[in-house]
Protein backbone atom coordinates (compact mmCIF):
# COMPACT_ATOMS: atom_id res chain seq x y z
CA UNK A 1 0.00 0.00 0.00
CA UNK A 2 1.29 3.48 -0.77
CA UNK A 3 1.77 6.09 1.94
CA UNK A 4 -1.46 7.86 0.99
CA UNK A 5 -4.60 7.02 2.91
CA UNK A 6 -7.59 5.98 0.86
CA UNK A 7 -10.79 7.61 2.01
CA UNK A 8 -14.29 6.25 1.78
CA UNK A 9 -16.37 9.43 1.84
CA UNK A 10 -19.17 7.68 3.70
CA UNK A 11 -16.98 6.55 6.57
CA UNK A 12 -13.64 8.37 6.50
CA UNK A 13 -12.73 11.89 7.55
CA UNK A 14 -10.30 14.49 6.37
CA UNK A 15 -7.08 15.11 8.32
CA UNK A 16 -7.45 17.62 11.14
CA UNK A 17 -11.25 17.40 11.29
CA UNK A 18 -13.71 15.60 13.50
CA UNK A 19 -15.62 12.89 11.67
CA UNK A 20 -19.30 13.82 11.47
CA UNK A 21 -21.15 12.71 14.60
CA UNK A 22 -18.04 11.24 16.21
CA UNK A 23 -17.47 13.50 19.21
CA UNK A 24 -15.70 10.66 21.03
CA UNK A 25 -12.64 10.82 18.84
CA UNK A 26 -10.13 12.58 21.04
CA UNK A 27 -8.79 16.02 20.16
CA UNK A 28 -5.46 16.30 21.87
CA UNK A 29 -2.63 18.82 22.06
CA UNK A 30 -1.74 20.63 18.86
CA UNK A 31 -5.04 19.56 17.25
CA UNK A 32 -4.07 15.89 17.20
CA UNK A 33 -6.88 13.46 16.31
CA UNK A 34 -6.57 10.28 18.35
CA UNK A 35 -8.04 6.79 18.40
CA UNK A 36 -7.11 4.00 20.81
CA UNK A 37 -6.36 0.29 20.55
CA UNK A 38 -6.16 -2.19 23.42
CA UNK A 39 -3.38 -4.72 22.84
CA UNK A 40 -1.69 -7.54 24.69
CA UNK A 41 1.68 -6.31 25.92
CA UNK A 42 3.39 -9.21 24.09
CA UNK A 43 1.78 -8.14 20.78
CA UNK A 44 3.07 -4.59 21.27
CA UNK A 45 6.56 -5.83 22.12
CA UNK A 46 6.51 -7.93 18.92
CA UNK A 47 5.42 -4.84 16.98
CA UNK A 48 8.33 -2.80 18.32
CA UNK A 49 10.69 -5.53 17.12
CA UNK A 50 8.93 -5.81 13.72
CA UNK A 51 8.44 -2.10 13.08
CA UNK A 52 4.64 -2.31 12.62
CA UNK A 53 1.68 -3.43 14.71
CA UNK A 54 -0.59 -6.17 13.42
CA UNK A 55 -3.16 -8.25 15.22
CA UNK A 56 -5.15 -11.34 14.29
CA UNK A 57 -8.23 -9.33 13.34
CA UNK A 58 -6.29 -7.73 10.49
CA UNK A 59 -5.91 -11.17 8.91
CA UNK A 60 -9.35 -12.53 9.79
CA UNK A 61 -11.55 -9.42 9.46
CA UNK A 62 -9.38 -7.11 7.37
CA UNK A 63 -8.96 -4.39 10.00
CA UNK A 64 -7.67 -3.55 13.47
CA UNK A 65 -10.36 -2.68 16.03
CA UNK A 66 -9.97 0.71 17.70
CA UNK A 67 -12.02 2.87 20.04
CA UNK A 68 -12.68 6.54 20.63
CA UNK A 69 -11.97 8.14 24.01
CA UNK A 70 -15.61 7.61 24.97
CA UNK A 71 -15.51 3.93 24.00
CA UNK A 72 -12.24 2.69 25.51
CA UNK A 73 -13.46 1.90 29.04
CA UNK A 74 -16.57 0.10 27.77
CA UNK A 75 -14.50 -1.93 25.32
CA UNK A 76 -11.94 -2.84 27.98
CA UNK A 77 -14.60 -3.93 30.46
CA UNK A 78 -16.74 -5.79 27.91
CA UNK A 79 -13.89 -7.72 26.29
CA UNK A 80 -10.89 -7.73 28.63
CA UNK A 81 -12.12 -7.58 32.26
CA UNK A 82 -9.56 -8.95 34.70
CA UNK A 83 -6.66 -9.11 32.25
CA UNK A 84 -3.38 -7.73 33.52
CA UNK A 85 -1.31 -8.04 30.33
CA UNK A 86 -2.79 -5.12 28.38
CA UNK A 87 -1.52 -1.83 27.02
CA UNK A 88 -3.43 1.02 25.46
CA UNK A 89 -2.01 2.33 22.18
CA UNK A 90 -2.71 6.03 21.64
CA UNK A 91 -2.73 6.53 17.88
CA UNK A 92 -2.32 9.82 16.01
CA UNK A 93 -4.84 9.52 13.19
CA UNK A 94 -2.83 11.88 10.98
CA UNK A 95 0.15 9.50 11.05
CA UNK A 96 -1.78 6.40 10.01
CA UNK A 97 -0.78 5.13 6.60
CA UNK A 98 -3.70 2.70 6.45
CA UNK A 99 -7.29 3.76 5.92
CA UNK A 100 -9.38 4.61 9.00
CA UNK A 101 -13.16 4.07 8.82
CA UNK A 102 -15.93 4.41 11.39
CA UNK A 103 -18.27 1.46 11.01
CA UNK A 104 -21.40 0.32 12.80
CA UNK A 105 -21.06 -2.67 15.13
CA UNK A 106 -23.57 -5.05 16.71
CA UNK A 107 -22.33 -4.61 20.29
CA UNK A 108 -23.05 -2.16 21.71
CA UNK A 109 -26.16 -1.59 19.57
CA UNK A 110 -26.15 1.60 17.52
CA UNK A 111 -22.44 2.32 17.99
CA UNK A 112 -19.82 2.96 15.32
CA UNK A 113 -16.19 2.17 16.02
CA UNK A 114 -12.98 3.23 14.27
CA UNK A 115 -11.32 0.47 12.25
CA UNK A 116 -7.82 0.67 10.74
CA UNK A 117 -7.58 -1.22 7.45
CA UNK A 118 -3.90 -2.13 7.53
CA UNK A 119 -0.96 -2.42 9.90
CA UNK A 120 -0.27 0.45 12.27
CA UNK A 121 3.23 1.87 11.81
CA UNK A 122 5.04 2.67 15.04
CA UNK A 123 5.33 6.34 14.11
CA UNK A 124 1.53 6.66 14.49
CA UNK A 125 1.63 5.46 18.12
CA UNK A 126 2.58 8.41 20.30
CA UNK A 127 1.88 6.88 23.72
CA UNK A 128 1.64 3.37 25.19
CA UNK A 129 0.05 3.02 28.61
CA UNK A 130 -0.26 -0.07 30.79
CA UNK A 131 -3.87 -0.93 31.59
CA UNK A 132 -4.32 -2.29 35.10
CA UNK A 133 -7.72 -3.49 36.27
CA UNK A 134 -9.01 -2.53 39.69
CA UNK A 135 -9.59 -5.11 42.45
CA UNK A 136 -12.94 -6.00 40.87
CA UNK A 137 -11.28 -6.74 37.51
CA UNK A 138 -12.81 -3.68 35.82
CA UNK A 139 -10.94 -0.85 34.15
CA UNK A 140 -11.36 2.80 35.07
CA UNK A 141 -9.82 4.56 32.10
CA UNK A 142 -9.78 8.37 32.44
CA UNK A 143 -10.26 9.29 28.80
CA UNK A 144 -13.72 10.82 29.10
CA UNK A 145 -12.52 14.36 28.47
CA UNK A 146 -10.86 14.72 25.07
CA UNK A 147 -7.84 16.97 25.25
CA UNK A 148 -6.87 15.78 28.72
CA UNK A 149 -4.92 12.60 27.93
CA UNK A 150 -1.47 13.94 28.70
CA UNK A 151 -2.62 15.77 31.82
CA UNK A 152 -4.59 12.74 33.01
CA UNK A 153 -1.65 10.40 32.49
CA UNK A 154 0.68 12.66 34.40
CA UNK A 155 -1.77 13.22 37.23
CA UNK A 156 -2.72 9.53 37.30
CA UNK A 157 0.68 8.56 38.69
CA UNK A 158 -1.03 8.11 42.04
CA UNK A 159 -3.87 6.04 40.59
CA UNK A 160 -3.49 2.25 40.40
CA UNK A 161 -5.23 2.21 37.02
CA UNK A 162 -2.34 3.71 35.04
CA UNK A 163 1.39 3.29 34.87
CA UNK A 164 3.43 4.70 32.03
CA UNK A 165 5.64 2.48 29.92
CA UNK A 166 8.74 3.99 28.44
CA UNK A 167 8.75 3.04 24.78
CA UNK A 168 11.76 3.56 22.57
CA UNK A 169 10.67 3.73 18.96
CA UNK A 170 13.59 3.13 16.69
CA UNK A 171 13.40 4.87 13.33
CA UNK A 172 13.13 2.15 10.72
């Protein structure tokens, strides 16, 4: 695939803009558009070694599942409750080389989720955060206020939910 992103006008959005009706896509410092992906730590470590992130859904469904800021906690609790081996990839939409589309899903009813139709290059991932469940196995992910990710991560150093992972991204 070339470096240009293909856009499906019905589901894609232009760089630097909010997709219509998708207020949950984070707007972060310097106008950055952000989506999130929950990954097993071992998958992320393999991606760092390989230079790109892929997951099984890319091969079986043709895309990588992502979430908006509003959707991350629900996704984590619905699909990953109790797991202690997870990281949250914070992805700069503008740096994706693969196509990003918002598509309707069955669960939860009426929702549309961001899907990345290709591997995610490491340069698009600007932050990797360890996800730690609480004592009840549920995740309390403080991403409900777009624009606050960096501040929340820094202030969350006292919260058991978050711990930062230092990630060295080698230029490939």
